[in-house]
N, C-alpha and C. Protein backbone atom coordinates (compact mmCIF):
# COMPACT_ATOMS: atom_id res chain seq x y z
N MET A 1 3.13 -10.39 -11.93
CA MET A 1 2.53 -9.11 -11.67
C MET A 1 1.65 -8.76 -12.86
N ILE A 2 0.49 -8.23 -12.60
CA ILE A 2 -0.48 -7.98 -13.66
C ILE A 2 -0.07 -6.78 -14.51
N CYS A 3 0.02 -5.60 -13.93
CA CYS A 3 0.44 -4.39 -14.64
C CYS A 3 1.51 -3.71 -13.79
N PRO A 4 2.77 -4.02 -14.00
CA PRO A 4 3.79 -3.50 -13.09
C PRO A 4 3.93 -1.99 -13.11
N ASN A 5 3.75 -1.35 -14.25
CA ASN A 5 3.97 0.09 -14.32
C ASN A 5 2.71 0.89 -14.02
N LEU A 6 1.54 0.26 -14.12
CA LEU A 6 0.30 0.99 -13.91
C LEU A 6 0.21 1.54 -12.50
N SER A 7 0.41 0.70 -11.52
CA SER A 7 0.21 1.13 -10.14
C SER A 7 1.33 2.06 -9.66
N LEU A 8 2.52 1.93 -10.20
CA LEU A 8 3.61 2.79 -9.76
C LEU A 8 3.58 4.17 -10.40
N THR A 9 2.77 4.35 -11.46
CA THR A 9 2.70 5.65 -12.11
C THR A 9 1.47 6.44 -11.69
N MET A 10 0.68 5.92 -10.78
CA MET A 10 -0.51 6.63 -10.32
C MET A 10 -0.10 7.82 -9.46
N LYS A 11 -0.96 8.80 -9.42
CA LYS A 11 -0.73 9.98 -8.59
C LYS A 11 -0.88 9.60 -7.12
N THR A 12 -0.29 10.39 -6.26
CA THR A 12 -0.33 10.12 -4.82
C THR A 12 -1.76 10.12 -4.30
N TYR A 13 -2.56 11.09 -4.73
CA TYR A 13 -3.94 11.14 -4.24
C TYR A 13 -4.75 9.96 -4.73
N GLN A 14 -4.44 9.43 -5.92
CA GLN A 14 -5.14 8.25 -6.42
C GLN A 14 -4.79 7.03 -5.57
N LEU A 15 -3.51 6.89 -5.23
CA LEU A 15 -3.09 5.77 -4.40
C LEU A 15 -3.74 5.84 -3.02
N LYS A 16 -3.77 7.03 -2.44
CA LYS A 16 -4.37 7.19 -1.12
C LYS A 16 -5.87 6.89 -1.17
N PHE A 17 -6.54 7.32 -2.24
CA PHE A 17 -7.98 7.05 -2.36
C PHE A 17 -8.23 5.55 -2.51
N LEU A 18 -7.46 4.88 -3.35
CA LEU A 18 -7.64 3.43 -3.50
C LEU A 18 -7.35 2.68 -2.21
N ALA A 19 -6.32 3.09 -1.51
CA ALA A 19 -6.00 2.43 -0.24
C ALA A 19 -7.09 2.70 0.79
N TRP A 20 -7.63 3.90 0.81
CA TRP A 20 -8.71 4.22 1.73
C TRP A 20 -9.97 3.42 1.38
N THR A 21 -10.27 3.33 0.09
CA THR A 21 -11.48 2.66 -0.35
C THR A 21 -11.43 1.16 -0.09
N PHE A 22 -10.32 0.53 -0.45
CA PHE A 22 -10.24 -0.93 -0.37
C PHE A 22 -9.38 -1.40 0.80
N SER A 23 -9.33 -0.59 1.85
CA SER A 23 -8.53 -0.98 3.02
C SER A 23 -9.10 -2.21 3.71
N ALA A 24 -10.35 -2.54 3.44
CA ALA A 24 -10.94 -3.75 4.04
C ALA A 24 -10.26 -5.01 3.53
N PHE A 25 -9.65 -4.95 2.35
CA PHE A 25 -8.99 -6.12 1.79
C PHE A 25 -7.52 -6.20 2.15
N LEU A 26 -6.96 -5.12 2.71
CA LEU A 26 -5.57 -5.15 3.12
C LEU A 26 -5.44 -5.94 4.42
N PRO A 27 -4.31 -6.59 4.62
CA PRO A 27 -4.14 -7.32 5.88
C PRO A 27 -4.19 -6.38 7.07
N PRO A 28 -4.85 -6.79 8.14
CA PRO A 28 -4.93 -5.91 9.32
C PRO A 28 -3.58 -5.79 10.00
N ASP A 29 -3.43 -4.74 10.78
CA ASP A 29 -2.20 -4.56 11.54
C ASP A 29 -2.13 -5.64 12.62
N ASP A 30 -1.02 -6.33 12.66
CA ASP A 30 -0.82 -7.39 13.65
C ASP A 30 0.19 -6.87 14.67
N PRO A 31 -0.26 -6.57 15.89
CA PRO A 31 0.68 -6.01 16.88
C PRO A 31 1.78 -6.99 17.29
N SER A 32 1.53 -8.29 17.15
CA SER A 32 2.55 -9.26 17.54
C SER A 32 3.59 -9.48 16.45
N ALA A 33 3.27 -9.05 15.22
CA ALA A 33 4.21 -9.23 14.12
C ALA A 33 5.36 -8.24 14.23
N ARG A 34 6.47 -8.60 13.63
CA ARG A 34 7.65 -7.74 13.64
C ARG A 34 7.35 -6.52 12.75
N GLN A 35 7.35 -5.35 13.35
CA GLN A 35 7.01 -4.14 12.63
C GLN A 35 8.21 -3.65 11.83
N GLU A 36 7.93 -3.18 10.64
CA GLU A 36 8.98 -2.59 9.82
C GLU A 36 9.21 -1.15 10.29
N ALA A 37 10.45 -0.82 10.48
CA ALA A 37 10.79 0.54 10.91
C ALA A 37 10.63 1.49 9.74
N ASP A 38 10.49 2.76 10.05
CA ASP A 38 10.38 3.78 9.03
C ASP A 38 11.68 3.83 8.23
N TYR A 39 11.56 3.81 6.92
CA TYR A 39 12.74 3.76 6.06
C TYR A 39 13.61 5.00 6.24
N TYR A 40 13.00 6.14 6.45
CA TYR A 40 13.78 7.36 6.64
C TYR A 40 14.57 7.30 7.96
N GLU A 41 13.95 6.74 9.00
CA GLU A 41 14.66 6.61 10.28
C GLU A 41 15.80 5.61 10.17
N LEU A 42 15.61 4.54 9.42
CA LEU A 42 16.68 3.55 9.28
C LEU A 42 17.93 4.15 8.66
N LEU A 43 17.73 5.02 7.69
CA LEU A 43 18.88 5.66 7.04
C LEU A 43 19.32 6.93 7.75
N GLY A 44 18.48 7.45 8.63
CA GLY A 44 18.83 8.66 9.35
C GLY A 44 18.75 9.90 8.49
N VAL A 45 17.76 9.97 7.61
CA VAL A 45 17.58 11.14 6.74
C VAL A 45 16.18 11.70 6.94
N GLU A 46 16.01 12.93 6.50
CA GLU A 46 14.70 13.58 6.55
C GLU A 46 13.85 13.10 5.37
N LYS A 47 12.53 13.33 5.46
CA LYS A 47 11.63 12.90 4.39
C LYS A 47 11.85 13.65 3.09
N ASN A 48 12.40 14.84 3.17
CA ASN A 48 12.63 15.62 1.95
C ASN A 48 14.09 15.53 1.49
N ALA A 49 14.79 14.49 1.88
CA ALA A 49 16.21 14.33 1.53
C ALA A 49 16.37 14.07 0.03
N SER A 50 17.46 14.56 -0.50
CA SER A 50 17.74 14.35 -1.93
C SER A 50 18.33 12.96 -2.14
N ALA A 51 18.46 12.58 -3.40
CA ALA A 51 19.00 11.26 -3.74
C ALA A 51 20.46 11.14 -3.28
N ASP A 52 21.22 12.22 -3.37
CA ASP A 52 22.61 12.18 -2.92
C ASP A 52 22.72 12.01 -1.41
N GLU A 53 21.84 12.69 -0.67
CA GLU A 53 21.85 12.55 0.79
C GLU A 53 21.48 11.12 1.20
N ILE A 54 20.55 10.53 0.48
CA ILE A 54 20.14 9.15 0.78
C ILE A 54 21.29 8.19 0.49
N LYS A 55 21.97 8.42 -0.62
CA LYS A 55 23.09 7.55 -0.98
C LYS A 55 24.22 7.67 0.04
N LYS A 56 24.51 8.89 0.46
CA LYS A 56 25.56 9.12 1.45
C LYS A 56 25.20 8.46 2.79
N ALA A 57 23.94 8.60 3.20
CA ALA A 57 23.50 7.99 4.46
C ALA A 57 23.54 6.47 4.37
N TYR A 58 23.20 5.94 3.21
CA TYR A 58 23.23 4.48 3.03
C TYR A 58 24.66 3.95 3.16
N ARG A 59 25.60 4.62 2.54
CA ARG A 59 26.99 4.17 2.63
C ARG A 59 27.49 4.21 4.07
N LYS A 60 27.14 5.26 4.79
CA LYS A 60 27.56 5.38 6.18
C LYS A 60 26.94 4.28 7.03
N ARG A 61 25.62 4.06 6.88
CA ARG A 61 24.93 3.04 7.67
C ARG A 61 25.35 1.63 7.28
N SER A 62 25.68 1.42 6.02
CA SER A 62 26.10 0.07 5.61
C SER A 62 27.43 -0.31 6.26
N LEU A 63 28.28 0.68 6.47
CA LEU A 63 29.54 0.39 7.17
C LEU A 63 29.28 0.09 8.65
N GLU A 64 28.28 0.74 9.23
CA GLU A 64 27.96 0.50 10.63
C GLU A 64 27.26 -0.83 10.84
N LEU A 65 26.41 -1.22 9.89
CA LEU A 65 25.54 -2.38 10.09
C LEU A 65 25.99 -3.66 9.38
N HIS A 66 26.99 -3.58 8.56
CA HIS A 66 27.40 -4.78 7.84
C HIS A 66 27.85 -5.85 8.84
N PRO A 67 27.34 -7.08 8.70
CA PRO A 67 27.67 -8.13 9.68
C PRO A 67 29.17 -8.38 9.84
N ASP A 68 29.93 -8.30 8.77
CA ASP A 68 31.38 -8.50 8.88
C ASP A 68 32.04 -7.39 9.70
N LYS A 69 31.62 -6.15 9.48
CA LYS A 69 32.16 -5.02 10.23
C LYS A 69 31.76 -5.12 11.71
N LEU A 70 30.53 -5.59 11.96
CA LEU A 70 30.09 -5.75 13.34
C LEU A 70 30.91 -6.82 14.06
N ARG A 71 31.25 -7.88 13.35
CA ARG A 71 32.07 -8.94 13.95
C ARG A 71 33.44 -8.39 14.34
N GLN A 72 33.98 -7.52 13.52
CA GLN A 72 35.27 -6.91 13.83
C GLN A 72 35.19 -6.03 15.08
N ARG A 73 34.04 -5.43 15.31
CA ARG A 73 33.86 -4.57 16.48
C ARG A 73 33.28 -5.33 17.67
N GLY A 74 33.24 -6.64 17.60
CA GLY A 74 32.73 -7.43 18.72
C GLY A 74 31.22 -7.45 18.80
N MET A 75 30.53 -7.37 17.65
CA MET A 75 29.07 -7.41 17.56
C MET A 75 28.42 -6.29 18.37
N ARG A 76 29.02 -5.12 18.36
CA ARG A 76 28.46 -3.97 19.06
C ARG A 76 27.95 -2.96 18.03
N PHE A 77 26.68 -2.56 18.22
CA PHE A 77 26.07 -1.54 17.38
C PHE A 77 25.45 -0.50 18.30
N GLN A 78 25.91 0.72 18.21
CA GLN A 78 25.46 1.84 19.03
C GLN A 78 25.54 1.50 20.52
N GLY A 79 26.61 0.87 20.91
CA GLY A 79 26.86 0.56 22.31
C GLY A 79 26.18 -0.70 22.82
N GLU A 80 25.38 -1.35 22.01
CA GLU A 80 24.66 -2.55 22.42
C GLU A 80 25.24 -3.77 21.72
N VAL A 81 25.23 -4.89 22.41
CA VAL A 81 25.66 -6.14 21.79
C VAL A 81 24.47 -6.73 21.05
N VAL A 82 24.68 -7.06 19.78
CA VAL A 82 23.61 -7.63 18.96
C VAL A 82 24.03 -9.01 18.49
N THR A 83 23.02 -9.86 18.27
CA THR A 83 23.30 -11.19 17.74
C THR A 83 23.51 -11.09 16.24
N GLU A 84 24.01 -12.16 15.66
CA GLU A 84 24.25 -12.16 14.21
C GLU A 84 22.95 -12.07 13.42
N ASP A 85 21.89 -12.73 13.93
CA ASP A 85 20.60 -12.66 13.25
C ASP A 85 20.02 -11.25 13.29
N GLU A 86 20.13 -10.59 14.44
CA GLU A 86 19.66 -9.21 14.55
C GLU A 86 20.44 -8.29 13.61
N ALA A 87 21.73 -8.49 13.56
CA ALA A 87 22.58 -7.67 12.69
C ALA A 87 22.21 -7.88 11.23
N ARG A 88 22.00 -9.13 10.85
CA ARG A 88 21.63 -9.44 9.47
C ARG A 88 20.27 -8.82 9.13
N HIS A 89 19.32 -8.93 10.07
CA HIS A 89 18.00 -8.37 9.83
C HIS A 89 18.06 -6.84 9.70
N LYS A 90 18.81 -6.17 10.57
CA LYS A 90 18.94 -4.72 10.48
C LYS A 90 19.60 -4.30 9.17
N PHE A 91 20.60 -5.06 8.74
CA PHE A 91 21.27 -4.73 7.48
C PHE A 91 20.31 -4.92 6.31
N GLN A 92 19.52 -5.98 6.32
CA GLN A 92 18.57 -6.23 5.24
C GLN A 92 17.48 -5.15 5.21
N GLN A 93 17.02 -4.73 6.39
CA GLN A 93 16.04 -3.64 6.45
C GLN A 93 16.63 -2.35 5.88
N MET A 94 17.86 -2.06 6.24
CA MET A 94 18.51 -0.85 5.75
C MET A 94 18.70 -0.92 4.24
N LYS A 95 19.07 -2.08 3.72
CA LYS A 95 19.23 -2.26 2.27
C LYS A 95 17.88 -2.09 1.56
N ALA A 96 16.81 -2.66 2.13
CA ALA A 96 15.48 -2.50 1.53
C ALA A 96 15.04 -1.04 1.56
N SER A 97 15.37 -0.34 2.64
CA SER A 97 15.00 1.07 2.70
C SER A 97 15.75 1.88 1.65
N TYR A 98 17.02 1.57 1.43
CA TYR A 98 17.77 2.28 0.39
C TYR A 98 17.21 1.95 -1.00
N ASP A 99 16.90 0.68 -1.25
CA ASP A 99 16.35 0.30 -2.55
C ASP A 99 15.04 1.04 -2.82
N THR A 100 14.23 1.20 -1.80
CA THR A 100 12.95 1.88 -1.98
C THR A 100 13.12 3.38 -2.14
N LEU A 101 13.92 4.00 -1.28
CA LEU A 101 14.04 5.46 -1.31
C LEU A 101 14.90 5.96 -2.47
N SER A 102 15.75 5.11 -3.02
CA SER A 102 16.57 5.56 -4.16
C SER A 102 15.80 5.49 -5.47
N ASP A 103 14.73 4.72 -5.54
CA ASP A 103 13.88 4.65 -6.73
C ASP A 103 12.75 5.67 -6.58
N PRO A 104 12.66 6.68 -7.45
CA PRO A 104 11.65 7.73 -7.27
C PRO A 104 10.21 7.21 -7.28
N LYS A 105 9.91 6.22 -8.10
CA LYS A 105 8.54 5.71 -8.16
C LYS A 105 8.18 4.96 -6.88
N LYS A 106 9.09 4.11 -6.41
CA LYS A 106 8.82 3.37 -5.17
C LYS A 106 8.76 4.33 -3.98
N ARG A 107 9.59 5.36 -4.00
CA ARG A 107 9.59 6.32 -2.90
C ARG A 107 8.26 7.05 -2.84
N LYS A 108 7.71 7.38 -4.00
CA LYS A 108 6.42 8.06 -4.05
C LYS A 108 5.32 7.17 -3.47
N VAL A 109 5.33 5.90 -3.82
CA VAL A 109 4.34 4.96 -3.29
C VAL A 109 4.54 4.78 -1.79
N TYR A 110 5.79 4.66 -1.35
CA TYR A 110 6.07 4.51 0.08
C TYR A 110 5.61 5.73 0.87
N ASP A 111 5.85 6.91 0.34
CA ASP A 111 5.42 8.13 1.03
C ASP A 111 3.90 8.20 1.13
N ALA A 112 3.21 7.69 0.11
CA ALA A 112 1.75 7.76 0.11
C ALA A 112 1.11 6.67 0.97
N LEU A 113 1.63 5.44 0.90
CA LEU A 113 0.95 4.31 1.52
C LEU A 113 1.71 3.61 2.62
N GLY A 114 2.98 3.90 2.79
CA GLY A 114 3.77 3.23 3.82
C GLY A 114 4.26 1.86 3.36
N TYR A 115 4.84 1.13 4.32
CA TYR A 115 5.45 -0.16 4.00
C TYR A 115 4.44 -1.18 3.50
N LYS A 116 3.31 -1.31 4.20
CA LYS A 116 2.32 -2.32 3.83
C LYS A 116 1.73 -2.03 2.45
N GLY A 117 1.44 -0.78 2.18
CA GLY A 117 0.92 -0.40 0.87
C GLY A 117 1.94 -0.62 -0.24
N LEU A 118 3.21 -0.36 0.06
CA LEU A 118 4.27 -0.59 -0.93
C LEU A 118 4.36 -2.07 -1.29
N GLU A 119 4.35 -2.93 -0.27
CA GLU A 119 4.40 -4.36 -0.52
C GLU A 119 3.19 -4.82 -1.33
N PHE A 120 2.02 -4.27 -1.04
CA PHE A 120 0.79 -4.64 -1.75
C PHE A 120 0.86 -4.20 -3.20
N ILE A 121 1.39 -3.01 -3.47
CA ILE A 121 1.46 -2.49 -4.83
C ILE A 121 2.56 -3.17 -5.63
N VAL A 122 3.74 -3.33 -5.04
CA VAL A 122 4.89 -3.87 -5.76
C VAL A 122 4.73 -5.38 -6.01
N ASN A 123 4.19 -6.10 -5.03
CA ASN A 123 4.05 -7.55 -5.17
C ASN A 123 2.62 -7.96 -4.82
N PRO A 124 1.67 -7.76 -5.76
CA PRO A 124 0.28 -8.06 -5.43
C PRO A 124 -0.11 -9.53 -5.61
N SER A 125 0.83 -10.40 -5.91
CA SER A 125 0.48 -11.80 -6.21
C SER A 125 -0.22 -12.48 -5.04
N HIS A 126 0.22 -12.19 -3.81
CA HIS A 126 -0.42 -12.81 -2.65
C HIS A 126 -1.79 -12.20 -2.36
N ALA A 127 -2.06 -11.03 -2.93
CA ALA A 127 -3.30 -10.32 -2.63
C ALA A 127 -4.48 -10.86 -3.43
N TRP A 128 -4.25 -11.60 -4.48
CA TRP A 128 -5.35 -12.06 -5.32
C TRP A 128 -5.94 -13.39 -4.86
N ASP A 129 -5.43 -13.96 -3.81
CA ASP A 129 -5.96 -15.21 -3.28
C ASP A 129 -7.31 -14.91 -2.61
N PRO A 130 -8.41 -15.54 -3.06
CA PRO A 130 -9.72 -15.25 -2.47
C PRO A 130 -9.79 -15.53 -0.97
N HIS A 131 -9.08 -16.55 -0.51
CA HIS A 131 -9.10 -16.86 0.92
C HIS A 131 -8.45 -15.72 1.72
N ASN A 132 -7.36 -15.18 1.21
CA ASN A 132 -6.71 -14.04 1.89
C ASN A 132 -7.62 -12.82 1.88
N LEU A 133 -8.24 -12.53 0.71
CA LEU A 133 -9.10 -11.36 0.61
C LEU A 133 -10.29 -11.46 1.57
N LEU A 134 -10.95 -12.61 1.58
CA LEU A 134 -12.11 -12.77 2.45
C LEU A 134 -11.70 -12.80 3.92
N GLY A 135 -10.55 -13.40 4.21
CA GLY A 135 -10.04 -13.39 5.59
C GLY A 135 -9.74 -11.99 6.05
N ASN A 136 -9.11 -11.18 5.19
CA ASN A 136 -8.82 -9.78 5.53
C ASN A 136 -10.11 -8.99 5.70
N LEU A 137 -11.10 -9.28 4.84
CA LEU A 137 -12.39 -8.59 4.95
C LEU A 137 -13.06 -8.92 6.27
N ALA A 138 -12.99 -10.17 6.68
CA ALA A 138 -13.61 -10.57 7.95
C ALA A 138 -12.92 -9.92 9.14
N LYS A 139 -11.62 -9.68 9.05
CA LYS A 139 -10.87 -9.08 10.15
C LYS A 139 -10.89 -7.55 10.13
N SER A 140 -11.45 -6.96 9.06
CA SER A 140 -11.43 -5.50 8.94
C SER A 140 -12.45 -4.86 9.87
N SER A 141 -12.34 -3.56 10.00
CA SER A 141 -13.24 -2.83 10.89
C SER A 141 -14.60 -2.65 10.23
N VAL A 142 -15.58 -2.31 11.05
CA VAL A 142 -16.94 -2.09 10.56
C VAL A 142 -16.94 -0.90 9.59
N PHE A 143 -16.16 0.11 9.88
CA PHE A 143 -16.09 1.28 9.02
C PHE A 143 -15.57 0.91 7.63
N ASP A 144 -14.54 0.08 7.56
CA ASP A 144 -14.00 -0.34 6.26
C ASP A 144 -15.02 -1.15 5.48
N ARG A 145 -15.73 -2.04 6.16
CA ARG A 145 -16.75 -2.83 5.47
C ARG A 145 -17.91 -1.96 5.02
N ALA A 146 -18.27 -0.96 5.82
CA ALA A 146 -19.37 -0.06 5.44
C ALA A 146 -19.00 0.75 4.20
N LYS A 147 -17.75 1.20 4.11
CA LYS A 147 -17.30 1.92 2.90
C LYS A 147 -17.45 1.05 1.67
N LEU A 148 -17.04 -0.21 1.80
CA LEU A 148 -17.10 -1.13 0.68
C LEU A 148 -18.55 -1.41 0.28
N MET A 149 -19.41 -1.62 1.25
CA MET A 149 -20.83 -1.88 0.96
C MET A 149 -21.48 -0.66 0.31
N LEU A 150 -21.14 0.53 0.77
CA LEU A 150 -21.68 1.75 0.18
C LEU A 150 -21.27 1.85 -1.29
N LEU A 151 -20.03 1.56 -1.60
CA LEU A 151 -19.58 1.60 -3.00
C LEU A 151 -20.30 0.56 -3.85
N ILE A 152 -20.48 -0.63 -3.31
CA ILE A 152 -21.18 -1.68 -4.06
C ILE A 152 -22.63 -1.28 -4.32
N MET A 153 -23.29 -0.76 -3.28
CA MET A 153 -24.69 -0.33 -3.46
C MET A 153 -24.78 0.84 -4.43
N LEU A 154 -23.86 1.76 -4.38
CA LEU A 154 -23.85 2.88 -5.31
C LEU A 154 -23.66 2.40 -6.74
N PHE A 155 -22.72 1.47 -6.94
CA PHE A 155 -22.47 0.94 -8.28
C PHE A 155 -23.71 0.25 -8.83
N PHE A 156 -24.27 -0.68 -8.06
CA PHE A 156 -25.45 -1.41 -8.56
C PHE A 156 -26.67 -0.51 -8.65
N GLY A 157 -26.75 0.48 -7.78
CA GLY A 157 -27.85 1.44 -7.89
C GLY A 157 -27.79 2.20 -9.19
N LEU A 158 -26.62 2.63 -9.58
CA LEU A 158 -26.48 3.34 -10.85
C LEU A 158 -26.70 2.43 -12.05
N VAL A 159 -26.20 1.21 -11.96
CA VAL A 159 -26.37 0.26 -13.07
C VAL A 159 -27.83 -0.12 -13.23
N LEU A 160 -28.54 -0.35 -12.13
CA LEU A 160 -29.95 -0.75 -12.22
C LEU A 160 -30.88 0.43 -12.44
N MET A 161 -30.46 1.62 -12.08
CA MET A 161 -31.30 2.79 -12.24
C MET A 161 -31.40 3.23 -13.71
N GLN A 162 -30.39 2.98 -14.49
CA GLN A 162 -30.39 3.41 -15.89
C GLN A 162 -31.53 2.80 -16.68
N PRO A 163 -31.76 1.48 -16.65
CA PRO A 163 -32.89 0.94 -17.41
C PRO A 163 -34.25 1.44 -16.91
N ILE A 164 -34.37 1.68 -15.61
CA ILE A 164 -35.63 2.18 -15.06
C ILE A 164 -35.90 3.58 -15.58
N LEU A 165 -34.88 4.42 -15.61
CA LEU A 165 -35.05 5.79 -16.11
C LEU A 165 -35.34 5.80 -17.60
N ILE A 166 -34.71 4.89 -18.34
CA ILE A 166 -34.99 4.80 -19.78
C ILE A 166 -36.43 4.40 -20.02
N CYS A 167 -36.92 3.43 -19.26
CA CYS A 167 -38.31 3.00 -19.40
C CYS A 167 -39.28 4.12 -19.03
N ALA A 168 -38.94 4.88 -18.00
CA ALA A 168 -39.80 6.00 -17.59
C ALA A 168 -39.84 7.06 -18.68
N LYS A 169 -38.71 7.31 -19.31
CA LYS A 169 -38.67 8.30 -20.40
C LYS A 169 -39.47 7.81 -21.60
N VAL A 170 -39.36 6.53 -21.93
CA VAL A 170 -40.13 5.97 -23.05
C VAL A 170 -41.62 6.06 -22.74
N ASP A 171 -42.03 5.74 -21.52
CA ASP A 171 -43.43 5.83 -21.15
C ASP A 171 -43.94 7.26 -21.26
N GLN A 172 -43.12 8.21 -20.87
CA GLN A 172 -43.51 9.62 -20.95
C GLN A 172 -43.68 10.04 -22.41
N VAL A 173 -42.78 9.62 -23.28
CA VAL A 173 -42.85 9.97 -24.69
C VAL A 173 -44.08 9.32 -25.33
N LEU A 174 -44.37 8.07 -25.03
CA LEU A 174 -45.54 7.40 -25.58
C LEU A 174 -46.82 8.05 -25.11
N ASP A 175 -46.86 8.49 -23.86
CA ASP A 175 -48.06 9.12 -23.31
C ASP A 175 -48.31 10.46 -23.98
N GLU A 176 -47.26 11.23 -24.24
CA GLU A 176 -47.43 12.53 -24.91
C GLU A 176 -47.85 12.37 -26.36
N ASN A 177 -47.46 11.33 -27.04
CA ASN A 177 -47.79 11.14 -28.45
C ASN A 177 -49.10 10.39 -28.64
N GLY A 178 -49.78 10.07 -27.57
CA GLY A 178 -51.06 9.41 -27.69
C GLY A 178 -50.97 7.91 -27.87
N GLY A 179 -49.83 7.33 -27.56
CA GLY A 179 -49.67 5.88 -27.67
C GLY A 179 -50.42 5.17 -26.56
N ALA A 180 -50.69 3.92 -26.79
CA ALA A 180 -51.42 3.12 -25.78
C ALA A 180 -50.43 2.68 -24.70
N LEU A 181 -50.76 3.01 -23.43
CA LEU A 181 -49.93 2.62 -22.31
C LEU A 181 -50.59 1.57 -21.44
N GLU A 182 -51.87 1.33 -21.62
CA GLU A 182 -52.56 0.36 -20.79
C GLU A 182 -52.25 -1.03 -21.13
């Protein structure tokens, strides 16, 4: 990880602005992929829940979802029969949600950017691959690419405009002082 504490200490509005600006480089939503459930829904708490409420909900849900406890109840969860793989996956999701919501910095990032943004911020190693970045850019929407192009043109416009304005100012000063401009 390049700067582990830098991205987690940013303000919420800064994270949202960066995600909005560079969303063309984020992986697109894949409807066929397994979607991550909302962490608050997994634990059964409200978005404004305190750390104690989250801990209490985690303990309750871990007893319901633990694969060993499910085996004792005949692999039944909320009245439905689940397979061992489903049970393991649900337990791992619930554990990941608790790990994220119990850490104030990760919770702040999750609230601002969601699951995909959290993964991108916490583990950006896969994001620096040029093939992934260009592939994500190619799959992004026209609006996302237009935002990126506008920022690039604005940046280079400002960088290239500075020497032109300096030259214009020098020409103006030379002309007023009677210097030769021809």
